[in-house]
Every structure is written in C-alpha cells, then in structure tokens.
Amino acid sequence: MKNPLHIYLIKRPEGIVAYDEMRGFVIASSSARTARKIAASSHSDEGADVWTDCNWSTCTTLGVANAKTQAGVLLQDHKTA
C-alpha cells in the first residue's frame, strides 16, 4: 500500500501580495517539500522562489487526503484586485 498524501496550506504573509500574484495554495502531496515545489511550478508574477523559501511563505499540514485524492493543486488564491 502506498503512503497517503497529505494536504498542505502554503501561503504568503498578508500585506505583501501585489496585483496578479498568488496568495496561497492548498496542495495534496507526499511531503511539505514536494508541496512547495508544486506551488513553485504554479506561480504567477511573484515568482517560483517565494514558494520554496520559508522566509517568504509558510507551509502547514492540514490533514491526510482520502485515498482518491491525486497529488497537485487543490485550491489556489490569486489576487486580481
């Protein structure tokens, strides 16, 4: 049986997100490191480094995904206004 995926919330601090940038993601992944890499590959104008650097974003485990959940971005918060 394969290891279950976890659900991670990766977000940037309030107040530093500009127009057309991502605020955060909810990601299903096997590890926090992999979740950050998935977020980095889904970046917008803020750039990929924001999501892999713990000084610019936080990564919190929300729980364990159900058996049917596939790895990847489940939700994203994109600032458009």
Protein backbone atom coordinates (compact mmCIF):
# COMPACT_ATOMS: atom_id res chain seq x y z
CA MET A 1 0.00 0.00 0.00
CA LYS A 2 1.37 3.42 -0.96
CA ASN A 3 1.88 6.19 1.59
CA PRO A 4 -1.09 8.52 1.89
CA LEU A 5 -0.92 12.06 0.59
CA HIS A 6 -1.17 14.94 3.00
CA ILE A 7 -2.99 18.23 2.46
CA TYR A 8 -0.84 21.35 2.87
CA LEU A 9 -1.71 25.03 3.07
CA ILE A 10 1.08 27.16 1.63
CA LYS A 11 0.56 30.89 1.93
CA ARG A 12 2.33 34.22 1.89
CA PRO A 13 2.11 36.76 4.72
CA GLU A 14 -0.73 39.27 4.45
CA GLY A 15 0.15 42.67 3.05
CA ILE A 16 2.96 41.69 0.67
CA VAL A 17 0.89 40.29 -2.19
CA ALA A 18 0.62 42.55 -5.23
CA TYR A 19 -1.78 42.50 -8.18
CA ASP A 20 -1.63 39.33 -10.33
CA GLU A 21 0.24 37.33 -7.70
CA MET A 22 -0.71 34.18 -5.83
CA ARG A 23 -1.64 34.50 -2.16
CA GLY A 24 -1.57 30.79 -1.45
CA PHE A 25 -2.36 27.21 -2.35
CA VAL A 26 -3.92 24.09 -0.89
CA ILE A 27 -1.92 21.16 -2.23
CA ALA A 28 -2.08 17.37 -1.92
CA SER A 29 1.43 15.97 -1.74
CA SER A 30 3.61 13.27 -0.20
CA SER A 31 5.71 15.86 1.68
CA ALA A 32 5.90 19.56 2.51
CA ARG A 33 8.98 19.88 0.31
CA THR A 34 7.13 18.41 -2.67
CA ALA A 35 4.10 20.62 -1.93
CA ARG A 36 6.35 23.68 -2.09
CA LYS A 37 7.76 22.50 -5.44
CA ILE A 38 4.23 22.07 -6.80
CA ALA A 39 3.35 25.60 -5.65
CA ALA A 40 6.53 26.94 -7.25
CA SER A 41 5.57 25.37 -10.57
CA SER A 42 2.15 27.10 -10.34
CA HIS A 43 3.43 30.59 -9.51
CA SER A 44 2.29 33.85 -11.05
CA ASP A 45 4.08 37.24 -11.12
CA GLU A 46 5.57 36.68 -7.64
CA GLY A 47 7.99 34.07 -9.00
CA ALA A 48 8.77 30.49 -8.00
CA ASP A 49 11.27 31.24 -5.21
CA VAL A 50 8.53 32.67 -2.97
CA TRP A 51 7.05 29.18 -2.58
CA THR A 52 10.25 27.27 -1.86
CA ASP A 53 11.71 29.79 0.61
CA CYS A 54 10.32 29.51 4.17
CA ASN A 55 11.21 33.19 4.74
CA TRP A 56 8.58 34.20 2.15
CA SER A 57 5.83 31.61 2.70
CA THR A 58 4.53 29.20 5.32
CA CYS A 59 3.60 25.55 4.84
CA THR A 60 1.13 23.97 7.26
CA THR A 61 -0.17 20.40 7.24
CA LEU A 62 -3.97 20.40 7.25
CA GLY A 63 -4.51 16.63 7.34
CA VAL A 64 -4.40 13.40 5.37
CA ALA A 65 -6.04 13.19 1.94
CA ASN A 66 -8.55 10.48 1.16
CA ALA A 67 -7.46 7.54 -0.99
CA LYS A 68 -8.92 9.01 -4.20
CA THR A 69 -7.11 12.35 -3.98
CA GLN A 70 -4.40 12.90 -6.58
CA ALA A 71 -1.25 14.91 -5.93
CA GLY A 72 -1.37 18.52 -7.07
CA VAL A 73 -3.03 21.87 -6.53
CA LEU A 74 -6.48 21.53 -4.97
CA LEU A 75 -7.17 25.26 -4.50
CA GLN A 76 -5.35 28.47 -5.33
CA ASP A 77 -5.88 32.05 -4.23
CA HIS A 78 -4.89 34.53 -6.93
CA LYS A 79 -5.05 38.29 -6.28
CA THR A 80 -6.69 40.09 -9.16
CA ALA A 81 -7.85 43.28 -7.48
